[in-house]
Amino acid sequence: MELFGSALYTLLIAWGVVTAVLICVLIYRSTLETREEDQIFLGGGEEGMASEQRALVARIQRLSKPITALVVVSGALLVVTAGLWLWQTFKNF
């Protein structure tokens, strides 16, 4: 009984940490997206602005894989935690 309580507590802590990291990464991506321009009208001498936007878009695209991984891990931890809790509840019922 004590082992399951400890495992459940550990899983909840791990889920909380992963979800907090996910929220932080989503907030970071959101702040990057606010600086992204939908349309840029550039003249001949504004290549620096275009390269800055390309770098910003590349950073946003690089964040998609870690975000997907964090969503999957967070969901899996939540399902495992709920399953362990249900199993423990039915066992004690």
PDB file of N, CA and C in Angstrom:
ATOM      1  N   MET A   1       0.827  -1.191   0.000  1.00  0.00           N
ATOM      2  CA  MET A   1       0.000   0.000   0.000  1.00  0.00           C
ATOM      3  C   MET A   1       0.869   1.251   0.000  1.00  0.00           C
ATOM      4  N   GLU A   2       1.875   1.262   0.830  1.00  0.00           N
ATOM      5  CA  GLU A   2       2.764   2.421   0.913  1.00  0.00           C
ATOM      6  C   GLU A   2       3.545   2.608  -0.379  1.00  0.00           C
ATOM      7  N   LEU A   3       3.901   1.513  -1.031  1.00  0.00           N
ATOM      8  CA  LEU A   3       4.650   1.580  -2.289  1.00  0.00           C
ATOM      9  C   LEU A   3       3.832   2.270  -3.370  1.00  0.00           C
ATOM     10  N   PHE A   4       2.533   1.948  -3.440  1.00  0.00           N
ATOM     11  CA  PHE A   4       1.683   2.568  -4.457  1.00  0.00           C
ATOM     12  C   PHE A   4       1.447   4.039  -4.172  1.00  0.00           C
ATOM     13  N   GLY A   5       1.318   4.385  -2.922  1.00  0.00           N
ATOM     14  CA  GLY A   5       1.148   5.789  -2.555  1.00  0.00           C
ATOM     15  C   GLY A   5       2.378   6.603  -2.922  1.00  0.00           C
ATOM     16  N   SER A   6       3.537   6.027  -2.683  1.00  0.00           N
ATOM     17  CA  SER A   6       4.779   6.692  -3.037  1.00  0.00           C
ATOM     18  C   SER A   6       4.933   6.802  -4.552  1.00  0.00           C
ATOM     19  N   ALA A   7       4.572   5.737  -5.268  1.00  0.00           N
ATOM     20  CA  ALA A   7       4.661   5.761  -6.731  1.00  0.00           C
ATOM     21  C   ALA A   7       3.675   6.768  -7.311  1.00  0.00           C
ATOM     22  N   LEU A   8       2.487   6.814  -6.752  1.00  0.00           N
ATOM     23  CA  LEU A   8       1.475   7.762  -7.217  1.00  0.00           C
ATOM     24  C   LEU A   8       1.931   9.195  -6.979  1.00  0.00           C
ATOM     25  N   TYR A   9       2.487   9.437  -5.830  1.00  0.00           N
ATOM     26  CA  TYR A   9       3.003  10.769  -5.503  1.00  0.00           C
ATOM     27  C   TYR A   9       4.142  11.159  -6.443  1.00  0.00           C
ATOM     28  N   THR A  10       5.031  10.226  -6.716  1.00  0.00           N
ATOM     29  CA  THR A  10       6.153  10.490  -7.619  1.00  0.00           C
ATOM     30  C   THR A  10       5.661  10.771  -9.034  1.00  0.00           C
ATOM     31  N   LEU A  11       4.682  10.003  -9.490  1.00  0.00           N
ATOM     32  CA  LEU A  11       4.125  10.234 -10.822  1.00  0.00           C
ATOM     33  C   LEU A  11       3.435  11.590 -10.916  1.00  0.00           C
ATOM     34  N   LEU A  12       2.739  11.979  -9.874  1.00  0.00           N
ATOM     35  CA  LEU A  12       2.092  13.296  -9.877  1.00  0.00           C
ATOM     36  C   LEU A  12       3.114  14.429  -9.906  1.00  0.00           C
ATOM     37  N   ILE A  13       4.195  14.271  -9.172  1.00  0.00           N
ATOM     38  CA  ILE A  13       5.260  15.280  -9.186  1.00  0.00           C
ATOM     39  C   ILE A  13       5.887  15.353 -10.576  1.00  0.00           C
ATOM     40  N   ALA A  14       6.184  14.197 -11.178  1.00  0.00           N
ATOM     41  CA  ALA A  14       6.777  14.167 -12.523  1.00  0.00           C
ATOM     42  C   ALA A  14       5.837  14.795 -13.543  1.00  0.00           C
ATOM     43  N   TRP A  15       4.535  14.483 -13.454  1.00  0.00           N
ATOM     44  CA  TRP A  15       3.563  15.070 -14.370  1.00  0.00           C
ATOM     45  C   TRP A  15       3.516  16.588 -14.198  1.00  0.00           C
ATOM     46  N   GLY A  16       3.548  17.058 -12.962  1.00  0.00           N
ATOM     47  CA  GLY A  16       3.528  18.496 -12.703  1.00  0.00           C
ATOM     48  C   GLY A  16       4.745  19.203 -13.273  1.00  0.00           C
ATOM     49  N   VAL A  17       5.911  18.598 -13.126  1.00  0.00           N
ATOM     50  CA  VAL A  17       7.142  19.202 -13.646  1.00  0.00           C
ATOM     51  C   VAL A  17       7.110  19.249 -15.172  1.00  0.00           C
ATOM     52  N   VAL A  18       6.735  18.136 -15.797  1.00  0.00           N
ATOM     53  CA  VAL A  18       6.692  18.090 -17.263  1.00  0.00           C
ATOM     54  C   VAL A  18       5.658  19.077 -17.795  1.00  0.00           C
ATOM     55  N   THR A  19       4.517  19.160 -17.157  1.00  0.00           N
ATOM     56  CA  THR A  19       3.475  20.084 -17.597  1.00  0.00           C
ATOM     57  C   THR A  19       3.899  21.534 -17.393  1.00  0.00           C
ATOM     58  N   ALA A  20       4.609  21.821 -16.311  1.00  0.00           N
ATOM     59  CA  ALA A  20       5.111  23.178 -16.084  1.00  0.00           C
ATOM     60  C   ALA A  20       6.132  23.569 -17.161  1.00  0.00           C
ATOM     61  N   VAL A  21       7.010  22.642 -17.512  1.00  0.00           N
ATOM     62  CA  VAL A  21       7.982  22.907 -18.575  1.00  0.00           C
ATOM     63  C   VAL A  21       7.247  23.127 -19.900  1.00  0.00           C
ATOM     64  N   LEU A  22       6.227  22.323 -20.169  1.00  0.00           N
ATOM     65  CA  LEU A  22       5.432  22.477 -21.384  1.00  0.00           C
ATOM     66  C   LEU A  22       4.779  23.853 -21.439  1.00  0.00           C
ATOM     67  N   ILE A  23       4.221  24.296 -20.340  1.00  0.00           N
ATOM     68  CA  ILE A  23       3.578  25.614 -20.306  1.00  0.00           C
ATOM     69  C   ILE A  23       4.605  26.718 -20.542  1.00  0.00           C
ATOM     70  N   CYS A  24       5.784  26.588 -19.954  1.00  0.00           N
ATOM     71  CA  CYS A  24       6.839  27.581 -20.162  1.00  0.00           C
ATOM     72  C   CYS A  24       7.275  27.637 -21.623  1.00  0.00           C
ATOM     73  N   VAL A  25       7.414  26.479 -22.256  1.00  0.00           N
ATOM     74  CA  VAL A  25       7.815  26.445 -23.667  1.00  0.00           C
ATOM     75  C   VAL A  25       6.713  27.026 -24.547  1.00  0.00           C
ATOM     76  N   LEU A  26       5.459  26.759 -24.215  1.00  0.00           N
ATOM     77  CA  LEU A  26       4.352  27.334 -24.980  1.00  0.00           C
ATOM     78  C   LEU A  26       4.301  28.856 -24.833  1.00  0.00           C
ATOM     79  N   ILE A  27       4.573  29.357 -23.648  1.00  0.00           N
ATOM     80  CA  ILE A  27       4.616  30.800 -23.439  1.00  0.00           C
ATOM     81  C   ILE A  27       5.772  31.415 -24.223  1.00  0.00           C
ATOM     82  N   TYR A  28       6.925  30.745 -24.222  1.00  0.00           N
ATOM     83  CA  TYR A  28       8.078  31.234 -24.977  1.00  0.00           C
ATOM     84  C   TYR A  28       7.766  31.287 -26.471  1.00  0.00           C
ATOM     85  N   ARG A  29       7.133  30.214 -26.990  1.00  0.00           N
ATOM     86  CA  ARG A  29       6.770  30.214 -28.414  1.00  0.00           C
ATOM     87  C   ARG A  29       5.769  31.323 -28.714  1.00  0.00           C
ATOM     88  N   SER A  30       4.861  31.560 -27.806  1.00  0.00           N
ATOM     89  CA  SER A  30       3.875  32.616 -28.009  1.00  0.00           C
ATOM     90  C   SER A  30       4.535  33.992 -28.066  1.00  0.00           C
ATOM     91  N   THR A  31       5.523  34.220 -27.211  1.00  0.00           N
ATOM     92  CA  THR A  31       6.223  35.507 -27.256  1.00  0.00           C
ATOM     93  C   THR A  31       7.032  35.656 -28.543  1.00  0.00           C
ATOM     94  N   LEU A  32       7.573  34.551 -29.045  1.00  0.00           N
ATOM     95  CA  LEU A  32       8.276  34.616 -30.328  1.00  0.00           C
ATOM     96  C   LEU A  32       7.305  34.912 -31.471  1.00  0.00           C
ATOM     97  N   GLU A  33       6.132  34.310 -31.403  1.00  0.00           N
ATOM     98  CA  GLU A  33       5.150  34.504 -32.468  1.00  0.00           C
ATOM     99  C   GLU A  33       4.595  35.917 -32.499  1.00  0.00           C
ATOM    100  N   THR A  34       4.604  36.606 -31.368  1.00  0.00           N
ATOM    101  CA  THR A  34       4.119  37.990 -31.371  1.00  0.00           C
ATOM    102  C   THR A  34       5.087  38.906 -32.102  1.00  0.00           C
ATOM    103  N   ARG A  35       6.358  38.536 -32.159  1.00  0.00           N
ATOM    104  CA  ARG A  35       7.338  39.347 -32.873  1.00  0.00           C
ATOM    105  C   ARG A  35       7.425  39.001 -34.352  1.00  0.00           C
ATOM    106  N   GLU A  36       6.743  37.912 -34.751  1.00  0.00           N
ATOM    107  CA  GLU A  36       6.768  37.492 -36.141  1.00  0.00           C
ATOM    108  C   GLU A  36       5.790  38.338 -36.948  1.00  0.00           C
ATOM    109  N   GLU A  37       6.233  38.799 -38.079  1.00  0.00           N
ATOM    110  CA  GLU A  37       5.388  39.597 -38.957  1.00  0.00           C
ATOM    111  C   GLU A  37       4.728  38.702 -39.995  1.00  0.00           C
ATOM    112  N   ASP A  38       3.449  38.963 -40.287  1.00  0.00           N
ATOM    113  CA  ASP A  38       2.752  38.197 -41.315  1.00  0.00           C
ATOM    114  C   ASP A  38       3.209  38.611 -42.711  1.00  0.00           C
ATOM    115  N   GLN A  39       3.358  39.908 -42.892  1.00  0.00           N
ATOM    116  CA  GLN A  39       3.799  40.433 -44.177  1.00  0.00           C
ATOM    117  C   GLN A  39       4.878  41.469 -43.930  1.00  0.00           C
ATOM    118  N   ILE A  40       5.907  41.401 -44.737  1.00  0.00           N
ATOM    119  CA  ILE A  40       6.987  42.380 -44.648  1.00  0.00           C
ATOM    120  C   ILE A  40       7.188  42.947 -46.044  1.00  0.00           C
ATOM    121  N   PHE A  41       7.126  44.239 -46.138  1.00  0.00           N
ATOM    122  CA  PHE A  41       7.378  44.907 -47.412  1.00  0.00           C
ATOM    123  C   PHE A  41       8.785  45.476 -47.335  1.00  0.00           C
ATOM    124  N   LEU A  42       9.680  44.844 -48.056  1.00  0.00           N
ATOM    125  CA  LEU A  42      11.096  45.185 -47.959  1.00  0.00           C
ATOM    126  C   LEU A  42      11.575  45.891 -49.219  1.00  0.00           C
ATOM    127  N   GLY A  43      12.403  46.854 -48.979  1.00  0.00           N
ATOM    128  CA  GLY A  43      13.099  47.502 -50.075  1.00  0.00           C
ATOM    129  C   GLY A  43      14.438  46.813 -50.273  1.00  0.00           C
ATOM    130  N   GLY A  44      15.279  47.413 -51.053  1.00  0.00           N
ATOM    131  CA  GLY A  44      16.573  46.814 -51.353  1.00  0.00           C
ATOM    132  C   GLY A  44      17.510  46.755 -50.164  1.00  0.00           C
ATOM    133  N   GLY A  45      17.474  47.714 -49.274  1.00  0.00           N
ATOM    134  CA  GLY A  45      18.438  47.789 -48.177  1.00  0.00           C
ATOM    135  C   GLY A  45      17.961  47.171 -46.871  1.00  0.00           C
ATOM    136  N   GLU A  46      16.865  46.452 -46.879  1.00  0.00           N
ATOM    137  CA  GLU A  46      16.313  45.920 -45.637  1.00  0.00           C
ATOM    138  C   GLU A  46      16.475  44.410 -45.538  1.00  0.00           C
ATOM    139  N   GLU A  47      17.584  43.904 -46.016  1.00  0.00           N
ATOM    140  CA  GLU A  47      17.846  42.462 -45.954  1.00  0.00           C
ATOM    141  C   GLU A  47      18.050  42.004 -44.515  1.00  0.00           C
ATOM    142  N   GLY A  48      18.543  42.854 -43.646  1.00  0.00           N
ATOM    143  CA  GLY A  48      18.729  42.502 -42.232  1.00  0.00           C
ATOM    144  C   GLY A  48      17.416  42.172 -41.554  1.00  0.00           C
ATOM    145  N   MET A  49      16.382  42.915 -41.883  1.00  0.00           N
ATOM    146  CA  MET A  49      15.065  42.664 -41.307  1.00  0.00           C
ATOM    147  C   MET A  49      14.514  41.322 -41.801  1.00  0.00           C
ATOM    148  N   ALA A  50      14.748  41.013 -43.060  1.00  0.00           N
ATOM    149  CA  ALA A  50      14.285  39.734 -43.608  1.00  0.00           C
ATOM    150  C   ALA A  50      15.029  38.570 -42.973  1.00  0.00           C
ATOM    151  N   SER A  51      16.318  38.693 -42.771  1.00  0.00           N
ATOM    152  CA  SER A  51      17.077  37.601 -42.152  1.00  0.00           C
ATOM    153  C   SER A  51      16.681  37.422 -40.685  1.00  0.00           C
ATOM    154  N   GLU A  52      16.344  38.513 -40.021  1.00  0.00           N
ATOM    155  CA  GLU A  52      15.877  38.421 -38.638  1.00  0.00           C
ATOM    156  C   GLU A  52      14.548  37.662 -38.569  1.00  0.00           C
ATOM    157  N   GLN A  53      13.656  37.913 -39.510  1.00  0.00           N
ATOM    158  CA  GLN A  53      12.376  37.203 -39.544  1.00  0.00           C
ATOM    159  C   GLN A  53      12.565  35.725 -39.883  1.00  0.00           C
ATOM    160  N   ARG A  54      13.497  35.427 -40.786  1.00  0.00           N
ATOM    161  CA  ARG A  54      13.774  34.020 -41.119  1.00  0.00           C
ATOM    162  C   ARG A  54      14.320  33.277 -39.900  1.00  0.00           C
ATOM    163  N   ALA A  55      15.194  33.930 -39.147  1.00  0.00           N
ATOM    164  CA  ALA A  55      15.749  33.309 -37.938  1.00  0.00           C
ATOM    165  C   ALA A  55      14.650  33.087 -36.902  1.00  0.00           C
ATOM    166  N   LEU A  56      13.733  34.031 -36.801  1.00  0.00           N
ATOM    167  CA  LEU A  56      12.632  33.913 -35.853  1.00  0.00           C
ATOM    168  C   LEU A  56      11.704  32.758 -36.231  1.00  0.00           C
ATOM    169  N   VAL A  57      11.394  32.629 -37.500  1.00  0.00           N
ATOM    170  CA  VAL A  57      10.542  31.532 -37.969  1.00  0.00           C
ATOM    171  C   VAL A  57      11.240  30.187 -37.756  1.00  0.00           C
ATOM    172  N   ALA A  58      12.550  30.136 -37.989  1.00  0.00           N
ATOM    173  CA  ALA A  58      13.302  28.894 -37.770  1.00  0.00           C
ATOM    174  C   ALA A  58      13.274  28.499 -36.299  1.00  0.00           C
ATOM    175  N   ARG A  59      13.379  29.469 -35.398  1.00  0.00           N
ATOM    176  CA  ARG A  59      13.320  29.180 -33.957  1.00  0.00           C
ATOM    177  C   ARG A  59      11.951  28.645 -33.559  1.00  0.00           C
ATOM    178  N   ILE A  60      10.914  29.236 -34.117  1.00  0.00           N
ATOM    179  CA  ILE A  60       9.553  28.778 -33.820  1.00  0.00           C
ATOM    180  C   ILE A  60       9.351  27.357 -34.329  1.00  0.00           C
ATOM    181  N   GLN A  61       9.848  27.064 -35.519  1.00  0.00           N
ATOM    182  CA  GLN A  61       9.700  25.722 -36.087  1.00  0.00           C
ATOM    183  C   GLN A  61      10.506  24.687 -35.310  1.00  0.00           C
ATOM    184  N   ARG A  62      11.667  25.079 -34.792  1.00  0.00           N
ATOM    185  CA  ARG A  62      12.473  24.145 -33.990  1.00  0.00           C
ATOM    186  C   ARG A  62      11.784  23.765 -32.692  1.00  0.00           C
ATOM    187  N   LEU A  63      10.911  24.610 -32.191  1.00  0.00           N
ATOM    188  CA  LEU A  63      10.210  24.329 -30.939  1.00  0.00           C
ATOM    189  C   LEU A  63       9.073  23.321 -31.111  1.00  0.00           C
ATOM    190  N   SER A  64       8.683  23.019 -32.340  1.00  0.00           N
ATOM    191  CA  SER A  64       7.527  22.144 -32.541  1.00  0.00           C
ATOM    192  C   SER A  64       7.791  20.713 -32.068  1.00  0.00           C
ATOM    193  N   LYS A  65       8.985  20.172 -32.293  1.00  0.00           N
ATOM    194  CA  LYS A  65       9.282  18.805 -31.850  1.00  0.00           C
ATOM    195  C   LYS A  65       9.340  18.684 -30.325  1.00  0.00           C
ATOM    196  N   PRO A  66      10.032  19.588 -29.617  1.00  0.00           N
ATOM    197  CA  PRO A  66      10.002  19.489 -28.151  1.00  0.00           C
ATOM    198  C   PRO A  66       8.599  19.667 -27.569  1.00  0.00           C
ATOM    199  N   ILE A  67       7.797  20.535 -28.172  1.00  0.00           N
ATOM    200  CA  ILE A  67       6.436  20.734 -27.678  1.00  0.00           C
ATOM    201  C   ILE A  67       5.626  19.457 -27.859  1.00  0.00           C
ATOM    202  N   THR A  68       5.750  18.839 -29.023  1.00  0.00           N
ATOM    203  CA  THR A  68       5.040  17.583 -29.270  1.00  0.00           C
ATOM    204  C   THR A  68       5.482  16.506 -28.288  1.00  0.00           C
ATOM    205  N   ALA A  69       6.774  16.402 -28.057  1.00  0.00           N
ATOM    206  CA  ALA A  69       7.294  15.399 -27.124  1.00  0.00           C
ATOM    207  C   ALA A  69       6.787  15.658 -25.708  1.00  0.00           C
ATOM    208  N   LEU A  70       6.780  16.906 -25.287  1.00  0.00           N
ATOM    209  CA  LEU A  70       6.303  17.236 -23.940  1.00  0.00           C
ATOM    210  C   LEU A  70       4.808  16.959 -23.785  1.00  0.00           C
ATOM    211  N   VAL A  71       4.037  17.210 -24.838  1.00  0.00           N
ATOM    212  CA  VAL A  71       2.600  16.908 -24.783  1.00  0.00           C
ATOM    213  C   VAL A  71       2.386  15.401 -24.633  1.00  0.00           C
ATOM    214  N   VAL A  72       3.149  14.615 -25.396  1.00  0.00           N
ATOM    215  CA  VAL A  72       3.012  13.158 -25.333  1.00  0.00           C
ATOM    216  C   VAL A  72       3.419  12.637 -23.952  1.00  0.00           C
ATOM    217  N   VAL A  73       4.542  13.107 -23.435  1.00  0.00           N
ATOM    218  CA  VAL A  73       5.017  12.657 -22.120  1.00  0.00           C
ATOM    219  C   VAL A  73       4.038  13.078 -21.022  1.00  0.00           C
ATOM    220  N   SER A  74       3.550  14.307 -21.097  1.00  0.00           N
ATOM    221  CA  SER A  74       2.600  14.776 -20.094  1.00  0.00           C
ATOM    222  C   SER A  74       1.313  13.951 -20.136  1.00  0.00           C
ATOM    223  N   GLY A  75       0.816  13.683 -21.323  1.00  0.00           N
ATOM    224  CA  GLY A  75      -0.386  12.865 -21.450  1.00  0.00           C
ATOM    225  C   GLY A  75      -0.181  11.447 -20.954  1.00  0.00           C
ATOM    226  N   ALA A  76       0.978  10.869 -21.298  1.00  0.00           N
ATOM    227  CA  ALA A  76       1.272   9.501 -20.862  1.00  0.00           C
ATOM    228  C   ALA A  76       1.386   9.427 -19.337  1.00  0.00           C
ATOM    229  N   LEU A  77       2.047  10.393 -18.736  1.00  0.00           N
ATOM    230  CA  LEU A  77       2.165  10.411 -17.275  1.00  0.00           C
ATOM    231  C   LEU A  77       0.800  10.565 -16.622  1.00  0.00           C
ATOM    232  N   LEU A  78      -0.058  11.384 -17.210  1.00  0.00           N
ATOM    233  CA  LEU A  78      -1.392  11.567 -16.657  1.00  0.00           C
ATOM    234  C   LEU A  78      -2.208  10.281 -16.747  1.00  0.00           C
ATOM    235  N   VAL A  79      -2.110   9.587 -17.887  1.00  0.00           N
ATOM    236  CA  VAL A  79      -2.852   8.329 -18.058  1.00  0.00           C
ATOM    237  C   VAL A  79      -2.326   7.260 -17.108  1.00  0.00           C
ATOM    238  N   VAL A  80      -1.010   7.154 -16.974  1.00  0.00           N
ATOM    239  CA  VAL A  80      -0.421   6.158 -16.065  1.00  0.00           C
ATOM    240  C   VAL A  80      -0.799   6.475 -14.623  1.00  0.00           C
ATOM    241  N   THR A  81      -0.769   7.739 -14.249  1.00  0.00           N
ATOM    242  CA  THR A  81      -1.148   8.131 -12.890  1.00  0.00           C
ATOM    243  C   THR A  81      -2.610   7.803 -12.616  1.00  0.00           C
ATOM    244  N   ALA A  82      -3.478   8.140 -13.569  1.00  0.00           N
ATOM    245  CA  ALA A  82      -4.899   7.835 -13.394  1.00  0.00           C
ATOM    246  C   ALA A  82      -5.129   6.327 -13.332  1.00  0.00           C
ATOM    247  N   GLY A  83      -4.426   5.575 -14.165  1.00  0.00           N
ATOM    248  CA  GLY A  83      -4.563   4.116 -14.143  1.00  0.00           C
ATOM    249  C   GLY A  83      -4.107   3.521 -12.832  1.00  0.00           C
ATOM    250  N   LEU A  84      -2.988   3.995 -12.303  1.00  0.00           N
ATOM    251  CA  LEU A  84      -2.490   3.501 -11.022  1.00  0.00           C
ATOM    252  C   LEU A  84      -3.453   3.851  -9.892  1.00  0.00           C
ATOM    253  N   TRP A  85      -3.989   5.061  -9.937  1.00  0.00           N
ATOM    254  CA  TRP A  85      -4.936   5.477  -8.910  1.00  0.00           C
ATOM    255  C   TRP A  85      -6.202   4.627  -8.968  1.00  0.00           C
ATOM    256  N   LEU A  86      -6.728   4.391 -10.187  1.00  0.00           N
ATOM    257  CA  LEU A  86      -7.919   3.555 -10.327  1.00  0.00           C
ATOM    258  C   LEU A  86      -7.658   2.120  -9.873  1.00  0.00           C
ATOM    259  N   TRP A  87      -6.503   1.585 -10.253  1.00  0.00           N
ATOM    260  CA  TRP A  87      -6.164   0.217  -9.859  1.00  0.00           C
ATOM    261  C   TRP A  87      -6.062   0.104  -8.344  1.00  0.00           C
ATOM    262  N   GLN A  88      -5.417   1.080  -7.736  1.00  0.00           N
ATOM    263  CA  GLN A  88      -5.276   1.080  -6.279  1.00  0.00           C
ATOM    264  C   GLN A  88      -6.637   1.232  -5.607  1.00  0.00           C
ATOM    265  N   THR A  89      -7.505   2.063  -6.171  1.00  0.00           N
ATOM    266  CA  THR A  89      -8.836   2.266  -5.599  1.00  0.00           C
ATOM    267  C   THR A  89      -9.677   0.989  -5.703  1.00  0.00           C
ATOM    268  N   PHE A  90      -9.666   0.360  -6.876  1.00  0.00           N
ATOM    269  CA  PHE A  90     -10.445  -0.877  -7.031  1.00  0.00           C
ATOM    270  C   PHE A  90      -9.888  -2.022  -6.193  1.00  0.00           C
ATOM    271  N   LYS A  91      -8.584  -2.036  -6.003  1.00  0.00           N
ATOM    272  CA  LYS A  91      -7.957  -3.068  -5.183  1.00  0.00           C
ATOM    273  C   LYS A  91      -8.380  -2.944  -3.721  1.00  0.00           C
ATOM    274  N   ASN A  92      -8.503  -1.717  -3.262  1.00  0.00           N
ATOM    275  CA  ASN A  92      -8.894  -1.473  -1.872  1.00  0.00           C
ATOM    276  C   ASN A  92     -10.400  -1.482  -1.682  1.00  0.00           C
ATOM    277  N   PHE A  93     -11.158  -1.538  -2.729  1.00  0.00           N
ATOM    278  CA  PHE A  93     -12.610  -1.510  -2.647  1.00  0.00           C
ATOM    279  C   PHE A  93     -13.089  -2.847  -2.224  1.00  0.00           C
TER     280      PHE A  93
END
